[in-house]
PDB file of N, CA and C in Angstrom:
ATOM      1  N   MET A   1     -16.217  10.252  -6.793  1.00  0.00           N
ATOM      2  CA  MET A   1     -16.664   8.852  -6.533  1.00  0.00           C
ATOM      3  C   MET A   1     -17.821   8.845  -7.277  1.00  0.00           C
ATOM      4  N   SER A   2     -18.747   9.786  -7.251  1.00  0.00           N
ATOM      5  CA  SER A   2     -19.928   9.631  -7.891  1.00  0.00           C
ATOM      6  C   SER A   2     -20.082   9.247  -9.367  1.00  0.00           C
ATOM      7  N   ASP A   3     -18.941   9.568 -10.154  1.00  0.00           N
ATOM      8  CA  ASP A   3     -18.930   9.132 -11.434  1.00  0.00           C
ATOM      9  C   ASP A   3     -18.565   7.697 -11.691  1.00  0.00           C
ATOM     10  N   GLN A   4     -18.016   6.960 -10.640  1.00  0.00           N
ATOM     11  CA  GLN A   4     -17.736   5.439 -10.603  1.00  0.00           C
ATOM     12  C   GLN A   4     -18.856   4.514 -10.415  1.00  0.00           C
ATOM     13  N   ASN A   5     -18.870   3.619 -11.152  1.00  0.00           N
ATOM     14  CA  ASN A   5     -20.054   2.625 -10.786  1.00  0.00           C
ATOM     15  C   ASN A   5     -19.471   1.519  -9.784  1.00  0.00           C
ATOM     16  N   PRO A   6     -20.364   0.909  -9.025  1.00  0.00           N
ATOM     17  CA  PRO A   6     -19.894   0.135  -7.975  1.00  0.00           C
ATOM     18  C   PRO A   6     -18.591  -0.830  -8.223  1.00  0.00           C
ATOM     19  N   THR A   7     -19.117  -1.713  -9.590  1.00  0.00           N
ATOM     20  CA  THR A   7     -17.998  -2.727  -9.899  1.00  0.00           C
ATOM     21  C   THR A   7     -16.617  -1.689 -10.205  1.00  0.00           C
ATOM     22  N   THR A   8     -16.668  -0.757 -10.834  1.00  0.00           N
ATOM     23  CA  THR A   8     -15.362  -0.039 -11.012  1.00  0.00           C
ATOM     24  C   THR A   8     -14.724   0.245  -9.677  1.00  0.00           C
ATOM     25  N   LEU A   9     -15.354   0.695  -8.682  1.00  0.00           N
ATOM     26  CA  LEU A   9     -14.726   1.115  -7.477  1.00  0.00           C
ATOM     27  C   LEU A   9     -14.257  -0.230  -6.752  1.00  0.00           C
ATOM     28  N   TYR A  10     -15.074  -1.212  -6.981  1.00  0.00           N
ATOM     29  CA  TYR A  10     -14.836  -2.627  -6.341  1.00  0.00           C
ATOM     30  C   TYR A  10     -13.669  -3.073  -6.967  1.00  0.00           C
ATOM     31  N   GLU A  11     -13.618  -3.148  -8.223  1.00  0.00           N
ATOM     32  CA  GLU A  11     -12.422  -3.689  -9.078  1.00  0.00           C
ATOM     33  C   GLU A  11     -11.152  -2.844  -9.070  1.00  0.00           C
ATOM     34  N   GLN A  12     -11.323  -1.521  -8.659  1.00  0.00           N
ATOM     35  CA  GLN A  12     -10.088  -0.727  -8.582  1.00  0.00           C
ATOM     36  C   GLN A  12      -9.519  -0.929  -7.248  1.00  0.00           C
ATOM     37  N   LEU A  13     -10.306  -1.046  -6.315  1.00  0.00           N
ATOM     38  CA  LEU A  13      -9.780  -1.618  -4.921  1.00  0.00           C
ATOM     39  C   LEU A  13      -9.305  -2.801  -4.960  1.00  0.00           C
ATOM     40  N   ARG A  14      -9.744  -3.760  -5.409  1.00  0.00           N
ATOM     41  CA  ARG A  14      -9.108  -5.025  -5.538  1.00  0.00           C
ATOM     42  C   ARG A  14      -8.179  -5.132  -6.143  1.00  0.00           C
ATOM     43  N   GLN A  15      -7.796  -4.653  -7.196  1.00  0.00           N
ATOM     44  CA  GLN A  15      -6.731  -4.463  -8.487  1.00  0.00           C
ATOM     45  C   GLN A  15      -5.465  -3.735  -7.395  1.00  0.00           C
ATOM     46  N   SER A  16      -5.853  -2.696  -6.852  1.00  0.00           N
ATOM     47  CA  SER A  16      -4.770  -2.009  -6.031  1.00  0.00           C
ATOM     48  C   SER A  16      -4.444  -3.008  -4.957  1.00  0.00           C
ATOM     49  N   ALA A  17      -5.247  -3.731  -4.328  1.00  0.00           N
ATOM     50  CA  ALA A  17      -4.706  -4.491  -3.424  1.00  0.00           C
ATOM     51  C   ALA A  17      -3.741  -5.797  -3.927  1.00  0.00           C
ATOM     52  N   ARG A  18      -4.126  -6.186  -5.078  1.00  0.00           N
ATOM     53  CA  ARG A  18      -3.159  -7.196  -5.803  1.00  0.00           C
ATOM     54  C   ARG A  18      -1.886  -6.439  -6.160  1.00  0.00           C
ATOM     55  N   GLN A  19      -1.892  -5.306  -6.716  1.00  0.00           N
ATOM     56  CA  GLN A  19      -0.698  -4.387  -6.880  1.00  0.00           C
ATOM     57  C   GLN A  19       0.072  -4.193  -5.688  1.00  0.00           C
ATOM     58  N   GLY A  20      -0.526  -3.913  -4.758  1.00  0.00           N
ATOM     59  CA  GLY A  20       0.284  -3.847  -3.505  1.00  0.00           C
ATOM     60  C   GLY A  20       0.916  -5.015  -3.005  1.00  0.00           C
ATOM     61  N   PHE A  21       0.234  -6.186  -2.978  1.00  0.00           N
ATOM     62  CA  PHE A  21       0.772  -7.643  -2.664  1.00  0.00           C
ATOM     63  C   PHE A  21       1.983  -7.979  -3.343  1.00  0.00           C
ATOM     64  N   ASN A  22       1.911  -7.253  -4.685  1.00  0.00           N
ATOM     65  CA  ASN A  22       3.170  -7.633  -5.696  1.00  0.00           C
ATOM     66  C   ASN A  22       4.227  -6.944  -5.308  1.00  0.00           C
ATOM     67  N   LEU A  23       4.063  -5.614  -4.904  1.00  0.00           N
ATOM     68  CA  LEU A  23       5.055  -4.687  -4.297  1.00  0.00           C
ATOM     69  C   LEU A  23       5.537  -5.315  -3.139  1.00  0.00           C
ATOM     70  N   ARG A  24       4.903  -5.785  -2.141  1.00  0.00           N
ATOM     71  CA  ARG A  24       5.240  -5.935  -0.908  1.00  0.00           C
ATOM     72  C   ARG A  24       6.207  -7.233  -1.287  1.00  0.00           C
ATOM     73  N   ASN A  25       5.688  -8.507  -2.208  1.00  0.00           N
ATOM     74  CA  ASN A  25       6.436  -9.463  -2.368  1.00  0.00           C
ATOM     75  C   ASN A  25       7.803  -9.231  -2.956  1.00  0.00           C
ATOM     76  N   ARG A  26       7.950  -8.125  -3.794  1.00  0.00           N
ATOM     77  CA  ARG A  26       9.216  -7.810  -4.607  1.00  0.00           C
ATOM     78  C   ARG A  26      10.106  -7.093  -3.606  1.00  0.00           C
ATOM     79  N   LEU A  27       9.441  -6.314  -2.474  1.00  0.00           N
ATOM     80  CA  LEU A  27      10.358  -5.662  -1.481  1.00  0.00           C
ATOM     81  C   LEU A  27      10.749  -6.714  -0.554  1.00  0.00           C
ATOM     82  N   LEU A  28      10.220  -7.885  -0.491  1.00  0.00           N
ATOM     83  CA  LEU A  28      10.831  -8.948   0.302  1.00  0.00           C
ATOM     84  C   LEU A  28      11.837  -9.672  -0.262  1.00  0.00           C
ATOM     85  N   GLU A  29      11.754  -9.779  -1.438  1.00  0.00           N
ATOM     86  CA  GLU A  29      12.777 -10.309  -2.354  1.00  0.00           C
ATOM     87  C   GLU A  29      14.084  -9.552  -2.319  1.00  0.00           C
ATOM     88  N   LEU A  30      14.038  -7.896  -2.424  1.00  0.00           N
ATOM     89  CA  LEU A  30      15.044  -7.073  -2.532  1.00  0.00           C
ATOM     90  C   LEU A  30      15.536  -7.203  -1.102  1.00  0.00           C
ATOM     91  N   ALA A  31      14.825  -7.375   0.022  1.00  0.00           N
ATOM     92  CA  ALA A  31      15.426  -7.192   1.407  1.00  0.00           C
ATOM     93  C   ALA A  31      16.378  -8.236   1.455  1.00  0.00           C
ATOM     94  N   GLU A  32      16.331  -9.377   0.940  1.00  0.00           N
ATOM     95  CA  GLU A  32      17.279 -10.425   1.169  1.00  0.00           C
ATOM     96  C   GLU A  32      18.889  -9.921   0.770  1.00  0.00           C
ATOM     97  N   ASP A  33      18.830  -9.218  -0.309  1.00  0.00           N
ATOM     98  CA  ASP A  33      20.177  -8.724  -0.620  1.00  0.00           C
ATOM     99  C   ASP A  33      20.722  -7.459   0.208  1.00  0.00           C
ATOM    100  N   LEU A  34      20.001  -7.007   1.212  1.00  0.00           N
ATOM    101  CA  LEU A  34      20.426  -6.047   1.918  1.00  0.00           C
ATOM    102  C   LEU A  34      21.278  -6.415   3.413  1.00  0.00           C
ATOM    103  N   PRO A  35      21.783  -5.478   3.860  1.00  0.00           N
ATOM    104  CA  PRO A  35      22.274  -5.444   5.148  1.00  0.00           C
ATOM    105  C   PRO A  35      21.530  -5.969   5.944  1.00  0.00           C
ATOM    106  N   SER A  36      21.815  -6.555   7.245  1.00  0.00           N
ATOM    107  CA  SER A  36      20.833  -6.859   8.373  1.00  0.00           C
ATOM    108  C   SER A  36      20.060  -5.604   8.757  1.00  0.00           C
ATOM    109  N   PRO A  37      20.686  -4.513   8.935  1.00  0.00           N
ATOM    110  CA  PRO A  37      19.607  -3.735   9.612  1.00  0.00           C
ATOM    111  C   PRO A  37      18.572  -3.283   8.580  1.00  0.00           C
ATOM    112  N   ASP A  38      18.998  -2.790   7.458  1.00  0.00           N
ATOM    113  CA  ASP A  38      17.952  -2.405   6.049  1.00  0.00           C
ATOM    114  C   ASP A  38      17.215  -3.518   5.853  1.00  0.00           C
ATOM    115  N   ARG A  39      17.540  -4.801   6.019  1.00  0.00           N
ATOM    116  CA  ARG A  39      16.758  -5.810   5.577  1.00  0.00           C
ATOM    117  C   ARG A  39      15.637  -5.846   6.669  1.00  0.00           C
ATOM    118  N   GLU A  40      15.770  -5.678   7.749  1.00  0.00           N
ATOM    119  CA  GLU A  40      14.547  -5.699   8.921  1.00  0.00           C
ATOM    120  C   GLU A  40      13.702  -4.443   8.683  1.00  0.00           C
ATOM    121  N   ARG A  41      14.309  -3.296   8.501  1.00  0.00           N
ATOM    122  CA  ARG A  41      13.307  -2.198   8.046  1.00  0.00           C
ATOM    123  C   ARG A  41      12.480  -2.338   6.767  1.00  0.00           C
ATOM    124  N   VAL A  42      13.201  -3.092   5.724  1.00  0.00           N
ATOM    125  CA  VAL A  42      12.494  -3.052   4.535  1.00  0.00           C
ATOM    126  C   VAL A  42      11.396  -4.310   4.694  1.00  0.00           C
ATOM    127  N   ARG A  43      11.631  -5.092   5.622  1.00  0.00           N
ATOM    128  CA  ARG A  43      10.638  -6.216   6.016  1.00  0.00           C
ATOM    129  C   ARG A  43       9.352  -5.542   6.665  1.00  0.00           C
ATOM    130  N   GLN A  44       9.651  -4.647   7.580  1.00  0.00           N
ATOM    131  CA  GLN A  44       8.699  -3.894   8.455  1.00  0.00           C
ATOM    132  C   GLN A  44       7.838  -3.120   7.616  1.00  0.00           C
ATOM    133  N   THR A  45       8.445  -2.427   6.528  1.00  0.00           N
ATOM    134  CA  THR A  45       7.928  -1.773   5.567  1.00  0.00           C
ATOM    135  C   THR A  45       6.874  -2.502   4.799  1.00  0.00           C
ATOM    136  N   ALA A  46       7.378  -3.599   4.387  1.00  0.00           N
ATOM    137  CA  ALA A  46       6.619  -4.658   3.518  1.00  0.00           C
ATOM    138  C   ALA A  46       5.174  -4.750   4.350  1.00  0.00           C
ATOM    139  N   GLY A  47       5.532  -5.011   5.670  1.00  0.00           N
ATOM    140  CA  GLY A  47       4.432  -5.293   6.683  1.00  0.00           C
ATOM    141  C   GLY A  47       3.409  -4.186   6.430  1.00  0.00           C
ATOM    142  N   LYS A  48       3.781  -3.190   6.629  1.00  0.00           N
ATOM    143  CA  LYS A  48       2.769  -1.871   6.222  1.00  0.00           C
ATOM    144  C   LYS A  48       2.045  -1.911   4.859  1.00  0.00           C
ATOM    145  N   ILE A  49       2.710  -2.334   4.053  1.00  0.00           N
ATOM    146  CA  ILE A  49       2.091  -2.465   2.628  1.00  0.00           C
ATOM    147  C   ILE A  49       1.154  -3.473   2.637  1.00  0.00           C
ATOM    148  N   MET A  50       1.344  -4.687   3.513  1.00  0.00           N
ATOM    149  CA  MET A  50       0.476  -5.787   3.449  1.00  0.00           C
ATOM    150  C   MET A  50      -0.753  -5.292   4.280  1.00  0.00           C
ATOM    151  N   ALA A  51      -0.400  -4.383   5.498  1.00  0.00           N
ATOM    152  CA  ALA A  51      -1.737  -4.032   6.019  1.00  0.00           C
ATOM    153  C   ALA A  51      -2.744  -3.017   5.034  1.00  0.00           C
ATOM    154  N   PHE A  52      -2.058  -2.296   4.385  1.00  0.00           N
ATOM    155  CA  PHE A  52      -2.698  -1.491   3.223  1.00  0.00           C
ATOM    156  C   PHE A  52      -3.443  -2.268   2.420  1.00  0.00           C
ATOM    157  N   CYS A  53      -2.783  -3.140   2.029  1.00  0.00           N
ATOM    158  CA  CYS A  53      -3.813  -4.102   0.875  1.00  0.00           C
ATOM    159  C   CYS A  53      -4.813  -4.825   1.771  1.00  0.00           C
ATOM    160  N   THR A  54      -4.596  -5.327   2.859  1.00  0.00           N
ATOM    161  CA  THR A  54      -5.635  -5.931   3.755  1.00  0.00           C
ATOM    162  C   THR A  54      -6.901  -5.027   3.932  1.00  0.00           C
ATOM    163  N   GLN A  55      -6.403  -3.571   4.251  1.00  0.00           N
ATOM    164  CA  GLN A  55      -7.563  -2.740   4.422  1.00  0.00           C
ATOM    165  C   GLN A  55      -8.477  -2.629   3.115  1.00  0.00           C
ATOM    166  N   LEU A  56      -7.651  -2.350   2.067  1.00  0.00           N
ATOM    167  CA  LEU A  56      -8.391  -2.300   0.746  1.00  0.00           C
ATOM    168  C   LEU A  56      -9.236  -3.395   0.380  1.00  0.00           C
ATOM    169  N   ARG A  57      -8.930  -4.595   0.845  1.00  0.00           N
ATOM    170  CA  ARG A  57      -9.565  -5.869   0.451  1.00  0.00           C
ATOM    171  C   ARG A  57     -10.925  -5.729   1.447  1.00  0.00           C
ATOM    172  N   GLU A  58     -10.609  -5.489   2.440  1.00  0.00           N
ATOM    173  CA  GLU A  58     -11.932  -5.333   3.491  1.00  0.00           C
ATOM    174  C   GLU A  58     -12.804  -4.440   3.199  1.00  0.00           C
ATOM    175  N   ILE A  59     -12.417  -3.314   2.596  1.00  0.00           N
ATOM    176  CA  ILE A  59     -13.178  -2.009   2.189  1.00  0.00           C
ATOM    177  C   ILE A  59     -13.772  -2.643   0.904  1.00  0.00           C
ATOM    178  N   ALA A  60     -13.233  -3.076  -0.001  1.00  0.00           N
ATOM    179  CA  ALA A  60     -13.987  -3.681  -1.209  1.00  0.00           C
ATOM    180  C   ALA A  60     -15.103  -4.731  -1.028  1.00  0.00           C
ATOM    181  N   ALA A  61     -14.771  -5.558   0.058  1.00  0.00           N
ATOM    182  CA  ALA A  61     -15.874  -6.595   0.395  1.00  0.00           C
ATOM    183  C   ALA A  61     -17.139  -5.906   0.908  1.00  0.00           C
ATOM    184  N   THR A  62     -16.972  -4.878   1.360  1.00  0.00           N
ATOM    185  CA  THR A  62     -18.222  -4.053   1.781  1.00  0.00           C
ATOM    186  C   THR A  62     -19.092  -3.366   0.617  1.00  0.00           C
ATOM    187  N   LEU A  63     -18.577  -3.505  -0.508  1.00  0.00           N
ATOM    188  CA  LEU A  63     -19.202  -2.744  -1.732  1.00  0.00           C
ATOM    189  C   LEU A  63     -19.897  -3.824  -2.688  1.00  0.00           C
ATOM    190  N   PRO A  64     -20.872  -3.193  -3.239  1.00  0.00           N
ATOM    191  CA  PRO A  64     -21.659  -4.048  -4.079  1.00  0.00           C
ATOM    192  C   PRO A  64     -21.075  -4.262  -5.362  1.00  0.00           C
ATOM    193  N   THR A  65     -21.141  -5.461  -5.936  1.00  0.00           N
ATOM    194  CA  THR A  65     -20.206  -5.863  -7.154  1.00  0.00           C
ATOM    195  C   THR A  65     -21.233  -5.688  -8.328  1.00  0.00           C
ATOM    196  N   ASP A  66     -22.629  -5.675  -8.295  1.00  0.00           N
ATOM    197  CA  ASP A  66     -23.568  -5.613  -9.283  1.00  0.00           C
ATOM    198  C   ASP A  66     -23.289  -4.079  -9.759  1.00  0.00           C
ATOM    199  N   PRO A  67     -23.073  -4.158 -11.327  1.00  0.00           N
ATOM    200  CA  PRO A  67     -22.767  -2.874 -12.032  1.00  0.00           C
ATOM    201  C   PRO A  67     -24.046  -2.241 -12.070  1.00  0.00           C
ATOM    202  N   ASN A  68     -25.225  -2.700 -11.789  1.00  0.00           N
ATOM    203  CA  ASN A  68     -26.355  -2.023 -12.075  1.00  0.00           C
ATOM    204  C   ASN A  68     -27.192  -1.339 -10.722  1.00  0.00           C
ATOM    205  N   VAL A  69     -26.274  -1.481  -9.861  1.00  0.00           N
ATOM    206  CA  VAL A  69     -26.675  -0.999  -8.364  1.00  0.00           C
ATOM    207  C   VAL A  69     -25.703   0.296  -8.306  1.00  0.00           C
ATOM    208  N   ASP A  70     -26.342   1.300  -7.864  1.00  0.00           N
ATOM    209  CA  ASP A  70     -25.981   2.623  -7.673  1.00  0.00           C
ATOM    210  C   ASP A  70     -25.148   2.722  -6.213  1.00  0.00           C
ATOM    211  N   LEU A  71     -23.963   2.818  -6.450  1.00  0.00           N
ATOM    212  CA  LEU A  71     -22.901   2.926  -5.106  1.00  0.00           C
ATOM    213  C   LEU A  71     -23.443   3.764  -4.198  1.00  0.00           C
ATOM    214  N   LEU A  72     -23.699   4.914  -4.563  1.00  0.00           N
ATOM    215  CA  LEU A  72     -24.109   6.090  -3.444  1.00  0.00           C
ATOM    216  C   LEU A  72     -25.679   5.635  -2.830  1.00  0.00           C
ATOM    217  N   GLU A  73     -26.427   5.044  -3.472  1.00  0.00           N
ATOM    218  CA  GLU A  73     -27.726   4.577  -2.864  1.00  0.00           C
ATOM    219  C   GLU A  73     -27.352   3.142  -2.074  1.00  0.00           C
ATOM    220  N   GLU A  74     -26.214   2.439  -2.237  1.00  0.00           N
ATOM    221  CA  GLU A  74     -26.202   1.252  -1.748  1.00  0.00           C
ATOM    222  C   GLU A  74     -25.236   1.468  -0.375  1.00  0.00           C
ATOM    223  N   VAL A  75     -24.370   2.283  -0.367  1.00  0.00           N
ATOM    224  CA  VAL A  75     -23.421   2.678   0.739  1.00  0.00           C
ATOM    225  C   VAL A  75     -24.023   3.399   1.570  1.00  0.00           C
ATOM    226  N   GLU A  76     -24.051   3.152   2.804  1.00  0.00           N
ATOM    227  CA  GLU A  76     -24.671   3.649   3.827  1.00  0.00           C
ATOM    228  C   GLU A  76     -24.106   5.223   4.224  1.00  0.00           C
ATOM    229  N   ASP A  77     -23.021   5.247   4.326  1.00  0.00           N
ATOM    230  CA  ASP A  77     -21.967   6.722   4.364  1.00  0.00           C
ATOM    231  C   ASP A  77     -20.911   6.692   3.539  1.00  0.00           C
ATOM    232  N   PRO A  78     -21.045   7.345   2.137  1.00  0.00           N
ATOM    233  CA  PRO A  78     -20.078   7.613   1.321  1.00  0.00           C
ATOM    234  C   PRO A  78     -19.197   8.374   1.640  1.00  0.00           C
ATOM    235  N   ASP A  79     -19.178   9.093   2.697  1.00  0.00           N
ATOM    236  CA  ASP A  79     -18.195  10.046   3.089  1.00  0.00           C
ATOM    237  C   ASP A  79     -17.216   9.116   4.246  1.00  0.00           C
ATOM    238  N   GLU A  80     -17.850   8.262   4.961  1.00  0.00           N
ATOM    239  CA  GLU A  80     -17.096   7.475   5.707  1.00  0.00           C
ATOM    240  C   GLU A  80     -16.301   6.476   4.681  1.00  0.00           C
ATOM    241  N   LEU A  81     -16.706   5.936   3.865  1.00  0.00           N
ATOM    242  CA  LEU A  81     -16.045   5.035   2.739  1.00  0.00           C
ATOM    243  C   LEU A  81     -14.789   5.798   2.367  1.00  0.00           C
ATOM    244  N   ARG A  82     -15.022   7.137   1.644  1.00  0.00           N
ATOM    245  CA  ARG A  82     -13.829   7.755   1.202  1.00  0.00           C
ATOM    246  C   ARG A  82     -13.080   7.975   2.504  1.00  0.00           C
ATOM    247  N   GLU A  83     -13.361   8.424   3.676  1.00  0.00           N
ATOM    248  CA  GLU A  83     -12.601   8.498   4.725  1.00  0.00           C
ATOM    249  C   GLU A  83     -11.613   6.996   5.117  1.00  0.00           C
ATOM    250  N   ARG A  84     -12.306   6.125   4.873  1.00  0.00           N
ATOM    251  CA  ARG A  84     -11.685   4.636   5.169  1.00  0.00           C
ATOM    252  C   ARG A  84     -10.471   4.736   4.048  1.00  0.00           C
ATOM    253  N   ILE A  85     -10.692   4.752   2.865  1.00  0.00           N
ATOM    254  CA  ILE A  85      -9.715   4.590   1.814  1.00  0.00           C
ATOM    255  C   ILE A  85      -8.495   5.626   2.234  1.00  0.00           C
ATOM    256  N   GLU A  86      -8.841   7.007   2.415  1.00  0.00           N
ATOM    257  CA  GLU A  86      -7.941   7.681   2.662  1.00  0.00           C
ATOM    258  C   GLU A  86      -6.983   7.499   3.658  1.00  0.00           C
ATOM    259  N   SER A  87      -7.742   7.018   4.848  1.00  0.00           N
ATOM    260  CA  SER A  87      -7.014   6.632   6.153  1.00  0.00           C
ATOM    261  C   SER A  87      -5.924   5.497   5.621  1.00  0.00           C
ATOM    262  N   ALA A  88      -6.404   4.525   4.880  1.00  0.00           N
ATOM    263  CA  ALA A  88      -5.442   3.193   4.624  1.00  0.00           C
ATOM    264  C   ALA A  88      -4.371   3.887   3.800  1.00  0.00           C
ATOM    265  N   LEU A  89      -4.768   4.824   2.835  1.00  0.00           N
ATOM    266  CA  LEU A  89      -3.406   5.417   2.340  1.00  0.00           C
ATOM    267  C   LEU A  89      -2.610   6.079   2.934  1.00  0.00           C
ATOM    268  N   GLU A  90      -2.906   6.861   3.972  1.00  0.00           N
ATOM    269  CA  GLU A  90      -2.300   7.799   4.779  1.00  0.00           C
ATOM    270  C   GLU A  90      -1.415   6.935   5.863  1.00  0.00           C
ATOM    271  N   ASN A  91      -2.208   5.913   6.340  1.00  0.00           N
ATOM    272  CA  ASN A  91      -1.624   5.283   7.597  1.00  0.00           C
ATOM    273  C   ASN A  91      -0.734   4.096   7.130  1.00  0.00           C
ATOM    274  N   TYR A  92      -1.020   3.398   6.054  1.00  0.00           N
ATOM    275  CA  TYR A  92       0.088   2.517   5.678  1.00  0.00           C
ATOM    276  C   TYR A  92       0.618   2.628   4.380  1.00  0.00           C
ATOM    277  N   PHE A  93       0.134   3.075   3.229  1.00  0.00           N
ATOM    278  CA  PHE A  93       1.079   3.159   1.833  1.00  0.00           C
ATOM    279  C   PHE A  93       1.780   4.357   1.980  1.00  0.00           C
ATOM    280  N   GLU A  94       1.408   5.422   2.360  1.00  0.00           N
ATOM    281  CA  GLU A  94       2.030   6.629   2.425  1.00  0.00           C
ATOM    282  C   GLU A  94       3.161   6.344   3.342  1.00  0.00           C
ATOM    283  N   ALA A  95       3.035   6.052   4.621  1.00  0.00           N
ATOM    284  CA  ALA A  95       3.783   5.677   5.506  1.00  0.00           C
ATOM    285  C   ALA A  95       4.947   4.830   4.970  1.00  0.00           C
ATOM    286  N   ALA A  96       4.563   3.774   4.476  1.00  0.00           N
ATOM    287  CA  ALA A  96       5.655   2.777   4.081  1.00  0.00           C
ATOM    288  C   ALA A  96       6.589   3.505   2.949  1.00  0.00           C
ATOM    289  N   LEU A  97       5.950   4.368   1.935  1.00  0.00           N
ATOM    290  CA  LEU A  97       6.839   5.145   0.953  1.00  0.00           C
ATOM    291  C   LEU A  97       7.857   5.804   1.801  1.00  0.00           C
ATOM    292  N   ASP A  98       7.309   6.647   2.796  1.00  0.00           N
ATOM    293  CA  ASP A  98       8.296   7.610   3.366  1.00  0.00           C
ATOM    294  C   ASP A  98       9.485   6.605   3.911  1.00  0.00           C
ATOM    295  N   GLU A  99       8.862   5.658   4.454  1.00  0.00           N
ATOM    296  CA  GLU A  99      10.145   4.751   5.311  1.00  0.00           C
ATOM    297  C   GLU A  99      11.021   4.204   4.313  1.00  0.00           C
ATOM    298  N   LEU A 100      10.680   4.047   3.181  1.00  0.00           N
ATOM    299  CA  LEU A 100      11.289   3.455   1.908  1.00  0.00           C
ATOM    300  C   LEU A 100      12.379   4.292   1.621  1.00  0.00           C
ATOM    301  N   GLN A 101      11.936   5.571   1.401  1.00  0.00           N
ATOM    302  CA  GLN A 101      12.708   6.732   0.880  1.00  0.00           C
ATOM    303  C   GLN A 101      13.841   7.031   1.864  1.00  0.00           C
ATOM    304  N   GLU A 102      13.250   7.062   3.264  1.00  0.00           N
ATOM    305  CA  GLU A 102      14.412   7.232   4.554  1.00  0.00           C
ATOM    306  C   GLU A 102      15.584   6.091   4.330  1.00  0.00           C
ATOM    307  N   ILE A 103      15.069   4.954   4.099  1.00  0.00           N
ATOM    308  CA  ILE A 103      16.089   3.613   4.179  1.00  0.00           C
ATOM    309  C   ILE A 103      17.126   3.989   2.943  1.00  0.00           C
ATOM    310  N   ILE A 104      16.357   4.421   1.888  1.00  0.00           N
ATOM    311  CA  ILE A 104      17.318   4.692   0.511  1.00  0.00           C
ATOM    312  C   ILE A 104      18.380   5.964   0.680  1.00  0.00           C
ATOM    313  N   GLU A 105      17.599   6.946   1.232  1.00  0.00           N
ATOM    314  CA  GLU A 105      18.659   8.184   1.794  1.00  0.00           C
ATOM    315  C   GLU A 105      19.921   7.948   2.546  1.00  0.00           C
ATOM    316  N   GLU A 106      19.175   7.042   3.692  1.00  0.00           N
ATOM    317  CA  GLU A 106      20.455   6.665   4.741  1.00  0.00           C
ATOM    318  C   GLU A 106      21.359   5.557   3.767  1.00  0.00           C
ATOM    319  N   SER A 107      21.082   4.913   3.086  1.00  0.00           N
ATOM    320  CA  SER A 107      22.034   3.987   2.292  1.00  0.00           C
ATOM    321  C   SER A 107      22.651   4.659   1.352  1.00  0.00           C
ATOM    322  N   ASP A 108      22.151   5.909   0.727  1.00  0.00           N
ATOM    323  CA  ASP A 108      23.053   6.664  -0.131  1.00  0.00           C
ATOM    324  C   ASP A 108      24.194   7.467   0.656  1.00  0.00           C
ATOM    325  N   ALA A 109      23.653   7.932   1.765  1.00  0.00           N
ATOM    326  CA  ALA A 109      24.668   8.696   2.578  1.00  0.00           C
ATOM    327  C   ALA A 109      25.795   7.648   3.193  1.00  0.00           C
ATOM    328  N   ARG A 110      25.457   6.301   3.330  1.00  0.00           N
ATOM    329  CA  ARG A 110      26.484   5.513   3.933  1.00  0.00           C
ATOM    330  C   ARG A 110      27.546   5.163   2.829  1.00  0.00           C
ATOM    331  N   GLU A 111      27.053   5.242   1.704  1.00  0.00           N
ATOM    332  CA  GLU A 111      27.934   4.901   0.343  1.00  0.00           C
ATOM    333  C   GLU A 111      28.600   5.889  -0.089  1.00  0.00           C
ATOM    334  N   ALA A 112      27.899   7.238   0.324  1.00  0.00           N
ATOM    335  CA  ALA A 112      28.849   8.452  -0.233  1.00  0.00           C
ATOM    336  C   ALA A 112      29.888   8.794   1.002  1.00  0.00           C
ATOM    337  N   LYS A 113      29.663   8.240   2.145  1.00  0.00           N
ATOM    338  CA  LYS A 113      30.553   8.514   3.224  1.00  0.00           C
ATOM    339  C   LYS A 113      31.782   7.603   2.946  1.00  0.00           C
ATOM    340  N   ASP A 114      31.403   6.128   2.784  1.00  0.00           N
ATOM    341  CA  ASP A 114      32.733   5.209   2.378  1.00  0.00           C
ATOM    342  C   ASP A 114      32.354   4.329   1.450  1.00  0.00           C
ATOM    343  N   PRO A 115      32.196   4.546   0.226  1.00  0.00           N
ATOM    344  CA  PRO A 115      32.150   3.618  -1.066  1.00  0.00           C
ATOM    345  C   PRO A 115      32.223   1.998  -0.889  1.00  0.00           C
ATOM    346  N   LYS A 116      33.472   1.883  -0.098  1.00  0.00           N
ATOM    347  CA  LYS A 116      33.909   0.478   0.278  1.00  0.00           C
ATOM    348  C   LYS A 116      32.655  -0.367   0.826  1.00  0.00           C
ATOM    349  N   ASP A 117      32.269   0.224   1.969  1.00  0.00           N
ATOM    350  CA  ASP A 117      31.068  -0.528   2.731  1.00  0.00           C
ATOM    351  C   ASP A 117      29.885  -0.686   2.175  1.00  0.00           C
ATOM    352  N   ALA A 118      29.726   0.063   1.018  1.00  0.00           N
ATOM    353  CA  ALA A 118      28.281  -0.412   0.310  1.00  0.00           C
ATOM    354  C   ALA A 118      28.414  -1.402  -0.676  1.00  0.00           C
ATOM    355  N   GLU A 119      29.622  -1.989  -0.774  1.00  0.00           N
ATOM    356  CA  GLU A 119      30.086  -3.171  -1.660  1.00  0.00           C
ATOM    357  C   GLU A 119      29.868  -4.293  -1.050  1.00  0.00           C
TER     358      GLU A 119
END
């Protein structure tokens, strides 16, 4: 993190949040075409992605945006900042990806069991 200037980290977090919001919106669109139980699970997963994006935006809001300010001098506890970002990744984003993988695997298993039901 020390080789990134504050604007870069700030902008990276904001951009990641925007991409996450786009992913969430796309998931909600895809969920509309799924059977009811899967649709609800995908919606819940989209909620976790939304929480992740919100966390990133909140973290970004605490960072200096002036490119001339040294992030390490401005941030009270750089290790705590890193931990907050990692925590958001683990608790929301990675958890959401794991859930999506599980939904896909279960859907594939149902389709393999009875291809007519998948249609």
